[in-house]
Amino acid sequence: MTTGEKIKQLRKRDNYSQEDLAEKLNISRTTLYNWENDNGLPDGNSIARLSKLFHVSTDYLLGLSTKQPYIENTYTYQHNINKEKLLEVYRKLIEIISLYEESQCYNMIPERFHVDNQEAWDFYERMINDVRLDVNTYFLGDDEIFNKLITIIDETEYFLKIYEMPGVCQRWQQLNPDIMYFDCTFDILEKEPELYEQIKAGKYHNISLNYYPTEVEASKRKKYFQKRKEDNDILNYRYSKERWFQNELLHTLQCVFKNDFADILISWKNL
């Protein structure tokens, strides 16, 4: 097999059009066409770039070696690397959110961490910054994934700092509406319906609510908590409201990753 035939075979293996590959190599489509038809050979720099892109040796491309080790196509190779890195970032964010109840809403550092003379927020800020460092290291040069992950980290940090329940950004609310069942507005609606209607109507200029649920939403919320109370009794969970909320937060983060990285995280068996 000639060098040109190998380039053509590898291009098709990785689902590149001639236009796509020419653009990656910063050459014209005509030049690539000529290579594939053995009308000229790539220069040394181009051979090196092709070798890196297709994960094959330069000797194989030049015919100096006939043995080509089995290597996944470039898309699958990169896909699997990105998935592993994403799952590592996801795991670290899960770890932070899983501390919600144990840390008393991030107001203290659990004793198991054996940390002395450190403020709680400094501790959790360091955890967040460690995740940022990973993202900056893992996804250098991949702007799309990098920007999405930085947004998720910012959204997580927003929740940590706001000290409210649910306290999540609007995007998280939209991806998992059930998280809003923990908003205190529901308690006002249930216990003080007249006051709720007055606040909603704007009669108290110095009081406003971030969220105004409907009666349908209030009914769904009752069923939501009734189900959790039944689980507590039947399965002997003994979960507090804070633990229920923490579990809903974990589910919300999963929804965020599935939404943002559906093309990479095809299988979520690890979550």
Protein backbone atom coordinates (compact mmCIF):
# COMPACT_ATOMS: atom_id res chain seq x y z
CA MET A 1 0.00 0.00 0.00
CA THR A 2 1.40 3.41 -0.98
CA THR A 3 1.66 6.43 1.29
CA GLY A 4 -1.20 8.04 -0.56
CA GLU A 5 -3.41 4.99 -0.17
CA LYS A 6 -2.65 4.87 3.55
CA ILE A 7 -3.57 8.54 3.99
CA LYS A 8 -6.84 7.96 2.16
CA GLN A 9 -7.62 4.84 4.19
CA LEU A 10 -6.90 6.57 7.51
CA ARG A 11 -8.93 9.62 6.50
CA LYS A 12 -11.96 7.46 5.74
CA ARG A 13 -11.41 5.43 8.91
CA ASP A 14 -11.75 8.57 11.01
CA ASN A 15 -14.65 9.97 8.98
CA TYR A 16 -12.81 13.00 7.64
CA SER A 17 -13.77 14.54 4.33
CA GLN A 18 -10.93 15.79 2.14
CA GLU A 19 -11.96 19.33 3.04
CA ASP A 20 -11.84 18.56 6.78
CA LEU A 21 -8.43 16.93 6.69
CA ALA A 22 -6.96 19.60 4.43
CA GLU A 23 -8.12 22.27 6.86
CA LYS A 24 -6.56 20.44 9.84
CA LEU A 25 -3.25 20.18 7.97
CA ASN A 26 -3.46 23.77 6.73
CA ILE A 27 -3.12 22.69 3.11
CA SER A 28 -5.36 22.92 0.06
CA ARG A 29 -7.80 20.17 -0.88
CA THR A 30 -5.96 19.85 -4.20
CA THR A 31 -2.71 19.09 -2.39
CA LEU A 32 -4.39 16.38 -0.33
CA TYR A 33 -6.04 14.97 -3.46
CA ASN A 34 -2.64 14.72 -5.12
CA TRP A 35 -1.12 12.95 -2.10
CA GLU A 36 -3.92 10.38 -2.00
CA ASN A 37 -3.43 9.70 -5.70
CA ASP A 38 0.35 9.45 -5.35
CA ASN A 39 1.03 12.64 -7.26
CA GLY A 40 3.68 13.81 -4.83
CA LEU A 41 4.52 13.06 -1.19
CA PRO A 42 3.86 15.08 1.98
CA ASP A 43 6.89 16.89 3.37
CA GLY A 44 8.42 15.87 6.69
CA ASN A 45 6.32 18.30 8.73
CA SER A 46 3.09 17.06 7.14
CA ILE A 47 4.05 13.42 7.71
CA ALA A 48 4.65 14.20 11.40
CA ARG A 49 1.25 15.91 11.67
CA LEU A 50 -0.50 13.02 9.93
CA SER A 51 1.22 10.58 12.28
CA LYS A 52 0.02 12.47 15.34
CA LEU A 53 -3.49 12.97 13.99
CA PHE A 54 -4.06 9.33 13.03
CA HIS A 55 -2.00 7.80 15.89
CA VAL A 56 0.24 5.79 13.59
CA SER A 57 4.02 5.85 13.18
CA THR A 58 5.78 7.92 10.53
CA ASP A 59 7.52 4.71 9.45
CA TYR A 60 4.15 3.15 8.69
CA LEU A 61 3.08 6.15 6.60
CA LEU A 62 6.36 6.15 4.63
CA GLY A 63 6.35 2.40 4.04
CA LEU A 64 9.38 1.77 6.24
CA SER A 65 7.27 -0.51 8.42
CA THR A 66 4.46 -2.74 7.22
CA LYS A 67 3.20 -3.47 10.68
CA GLN A 68 0.40 -1.22 11.85
CA PRO A 69 -0.60 -1.80 15.49
CA TYR A 70 -4.33 -1.79 16.16
CA ILE A 71 -5.35 1.62 17.36
CA GLU A 72 -8.88 2.93 17.76
CA ASN A 73 -9.83 5.59 15.27
CA THR A 74 -8.97 9.10 16.35
CA TYR A 75 -12.55 10.05 17.19
CA THR A 76 -13.03 7.07 19.52
CA TYR A 77 -9.59 7.54 21.05
CA GLN A 78 -10.19 11.19 21.88
CA HIS A 79 -13.79 10.48 22.88
CA ASN A 80 -12.68 7.97 25.51
CA ILE A 81 -9.98 10.27 26.88
CA ASN A 82 -12.47 13.13 27.22
CA LYS A 83 -15.00 10.86 28.89
CA GLU A 84 -12.49 9.73 31.51
CA LYS A 85 -11.47 13.30 32.26
CA LEU A 86 -15.07 14.50 32.41
CA LEU A 87 -15.97 11.75 34.85
CA GLU A 88 -13.05 12.77 37.05
CA VAL A 89 -14.25 16.39 37.13
CA TYR A 90 -17.81 15.19 37.74
CA ARG A 91 -16.63 12.99 40.63
CA LYS A 92 -14.91 15.92 42.34
CA LEU A 93 -17.98 18.15 42.03
CA ILE A 94 -20.14 15.31 43.36
CA GLU A 95 -17.80 15.06 46.35
CA ILE A 96 -18.30 18.76 47.13
CA ILE A 97 -22.08 18.60 46.88
CA SER A 98 -22.15 15.40 48.94
CA LEU A 99 -20.78 17.39 51.87
CA TYR A 100 -23.88 19.62 52.08
CA GLU A 101 -25.57 17.87 55.01
CA GLU A 102 -22.42 16.73 56.80
CA SER A 103 -20.92 20.23 56.70
CA GLN A 104 -24.15 21.81 57.96
CA CYS A 105 -24.69 23.65 54.69
CA TYR A 106 -20.95 24.34 54.27
CA ASN A 107 -20.72 26.19 57.58
CA MET A 108 -18.20 23.75 59.03
CA ILE A 109 -15.49 21.30 57.95
CA PRO A 110 -16.27 17.65 58.77
CA GLU A 111 -13.89 16.21 61.36
CA ARG A 112 -12.85 13.36 59.06
CA PHE A 113 -10.81 15.83 57.00
CA HIS A 114 -8.56 16.54 60.01
CA VAL A 115 -8.21 20.22 59.15
CA ASP A 116 -7.19 22.62 61.91
CA ASN A 117 -7.28 26.42 62.01
CA GLN A 118 -8.97 26.91 58.64
CA GLU A 119 -12.17 28.75 57.87
CA ALA A 120 -14.90 26.64 56.30
CA TRP A 121 -15.22 28.79 53.21
CA ASP A 122 -11.45 28.71 52.61
CA PHE A 123 -11.64 24.93 52.70
CA TYR A 124 -14.48 24.66 50.18
CA GLU A 125 -13.00 27.36 47.97
CA ARG A 126 -9.82 25.31 47.78
CA MET A 127 -11.86 22.27 46.72
CA ILE A 128 -13.50 24.32 43.97
CA ASN A 129 -10.14 25.72 42.85
CA ASP A 130 -8.71 22.19 42.66
CA VAL A 131 -11.44 21.33 40.16
CA ARG A 132 -10.65 24.48 38.18
CA LEU A 133 -7.01 23.46 38.06
CA ASP A 134 -7.96 20.04 36.69
CA VAL A 135 -10.11 21.58 33.97
CA ASN A 136 -7.35 24.00 33.00
CA THR A 137 -4.93 21.08 32.77
CA TYR A 138 -7.11 18.42 31.16
CA PHE A 139 -8.83 20.52 28.52
CA LEU A 140 -6.15 22.95 27.43
CA GLY A 141 -6.85 23.69 23.77
CA ASP A 142 -10.40 22.26 23.81
CA ASP A 143 -12.32 25.51 24.19
CA GLU A 144 -15.80 24.02 23.88
CA ILE A 145 -15.45 21.51 26.72
CA PHE A 146 -13.33 23.91 28.77
CA ASN A 147 -15.92 26.71 28.64
CA LYS A 148 -18.80 24.39 29.51
CA LEU A 149 -16.95 22.98 32.52
CA ILE A 150 -15.91 26.40 33.80
CA THR A 151 -19.58 27.44 33.61
CA ILE A 152 -20.60 24.40 35.67
CA ILE A 153 -17.89 25.14 38.26
CA ASP A 154 -19.04 28.77 38.46
CA GLU A 155 -22.63 27.59 38.95
CA THR A 156 -21.53 25.20 41.71
CA GLU A 157 -19.57 27.94 43.44
CA TYR A 158 -22.60 30.23 43.18
CA PHE A 159 -24.62 27.67 45.10
CA LEU A 160 -21.93 27.28 47.77
CA LYS A 161 -21.79 31.02 48.38
CA ILE A 162 -25.47 31.89 48.40
CA TYR A 163 -26.35 29.95 51.58
CA GLU A 164 -29.97 29.43 50.53
CA MET A 165 -32.20 26.47 49.80
CA PRO A 166 -32.41 25.72 46.92
CA GLY A 167 -30.00 28.54 45.98
CA VAL A 168 -29.17 27.15 42.55
CA CYS A 169 -28.94 29.16 39.35
CA GLN A 170 -31.85 29.39 36.93
CA ARG A 171 -30.32 26.93 34.49
CA TRP A 172 -30.18 24.21 37.16
CA GLN A 173 -33.78 24.97 38.09
CA GLN A 174 -34.83 24.48 34.48
CA LEU A 175 -32.92 21.20 34.10
CA ASN A 176 -34.41 19.78 37.32
CA PRO A 177 -37.60 21.64 38.35
CA ASP A 178 -38.01 19.33 41.39
CA ILE A 179 -35.19 21.21 43.12
CA MET A 180 -37.59 24.14 43.56
CA TYR A 181 -39.77 22.11 45.93
CA PHE A 182 -37.28 23.08 48.62
CA ASP A 183 -37.95 26.81 48.21
CA CYS A 184 -39.35 28.39 51.38
CA THR A 185 -42.00 30.15 49.28
CA PHE A 186 -44.02 26.93 49.39
CA ASP A 187 -44.13 27.12 53.20
CA ILE A 188 -45.49 30.66 53.05
CA LEU A 189 -48.08 29.61 50.49
CA GLU A 190 -49.18 26.69 52.66
CA LYS A 191 -49.13 28.33 56.09
CA GLU A 192 -49.89 31.96 55.23
CA PRO A 193 -51.83 31.96 51.93
CA GLU A 194 -53.22 35.47 52.41
CA LEU A 195 -49.77 36.88 53.11
CA TYR A 196 -48.44 35.05 50.06
CA GLU A 197 -51.10 36.59 47.80
CA GLN A 198 -50.39 40.07 49.21
CA ILE A 199 -46.65 39.70 48.59
CA LYS A 200 -47.36 38.38 45.12
CA ALA A 201 -49.64 41.36 44.41
CA GLY A 202 -46.84 43.77 45.45
CA LYS A 203 -48.56 45.18 48.54
CA TYR A 204 -45.33 44.90 50.51
CA HIS A 205 -42.81 46.99 48.61
CA ASN A 206 -39.91 45.88 50.80
CA ILE A 207 -40.71 42.17 50.48
CA SER A 208 -40.43 40.07 47.36
CA LEU A 209 -39.94 36.40 46.59
CA ASN A 210 -37.67 34.82 44.03
CA TYR A 211 -40.25 32.25 43.09
CA TYR A 212 -44.07 32.24 42.90
CA PRO A 213 -45.36 28.67 42.57
CA THR A 214 -48.78 27.82 41.24
CA GLU A 215 -51.38 25.69 43.01
CA VAL A 216 -50.53 22.84 40.66
CA GLU A 217 -46.87 23.06 41.66
CA ALA A 218 -47.87 23.16 45.34
CA SER A 219 -49.92 20.00 44.85
CA LYS A 220 -47.03 18.24 43.11
CA ARG A 221 -44.72 19.29 45.95
CA LYS A 222 -46.98 17.65 48.55
CA LYS A 223 -46.86 14.40 46.61
CA TYR A 224 -43.08 14.74 46.25
CA PHE A 225 -42.48 14.99 50.00
CA GLN A 226 -45.13 12.40 50.80
CA LYS A 227 -43.20 9.93 48.65
CA ARG A 228 -39.98 10.70 50.51
CA LYS A 229 -41.64 10.32 53.89
CA GLU A 230 -42.99 6.95 52.79
CA ASP A 231 -39.48 5.92 51.71
CA ASN A 232 -38.18 6.97 55.11
CA ASP A 233 -40.73 4.75 56.85
CA ILE A 234 -40.63 1.76 54.52
CA LEU A 235 -36.90 1.68 53.80
CA ASN A 236 -35.85 3.09 57.17
CA TYR A 237 -33.78 5.82 55.53
CA ARG A 238 -34.22 8.32 58.37
CA TYR A 239 -33.22 11.10 56.01
CA SER A 240 -33.50 14.72 57.08
CA LYS A 241 -34.85 17.42 54.78
CA GLU A 242 -31.25 18.49 54.21
CA ARG A 243 -30.37 14.99 53.03
CA TRP A 244 -33.32 14.94 50.64
CA PHE A 245 -32.18 18.27 49.30
CA GLN A 246 -28.61 17.03 48.94
CA ASN A 247 -29.83 14.03 46.93
CA GLU A 248 -31.81 16.35 44.66
CA LEU A 249 -28.70 18.48 44.19
CA LEU A 250 -26.72 15.42 43.14
CA HIS A 251 -29.42 14.51 40.65
CA THR A 252 -29.39 18.09 39.34
CA LEU A 253 -25.64 18.00 38.72
CA GLN A 254 -26.10 14.76 36.82
CA CYS A 255 -28.77 16.47 34.69
CA VAL A 256 -26.35 19.33 33.98
CA PHE A 257 -23.59 17.01 32.76
CA LYS A 258 -25.98 14.94 30.68
CA ASN A 259 -27.31 18.11 29.09
CA ASP A 260 -23.93 19.66 28.36
CA PHE A 261 -21.97 16.54 27.33
CA ALA A 262 -24.54 14.17 25.85
CA ASP A 263 -22.32 13.57 22.81
CA ILE A 264 -19.39 12.40 24.96
CA LEU A 265 -21.06 10.75 27.93
CA ILE A 266 -23.15 8.31 25.94
CA SER A 267 -23.19 5.73 28.70
CA TRP A 268 -23.71 6.83 32.31
CA LYS A 269 -23.29 3.43 33.95
CA ASN A 270 -20.56 4.91 36.15
CA LEU A 271 -22.85 7.55 37.66
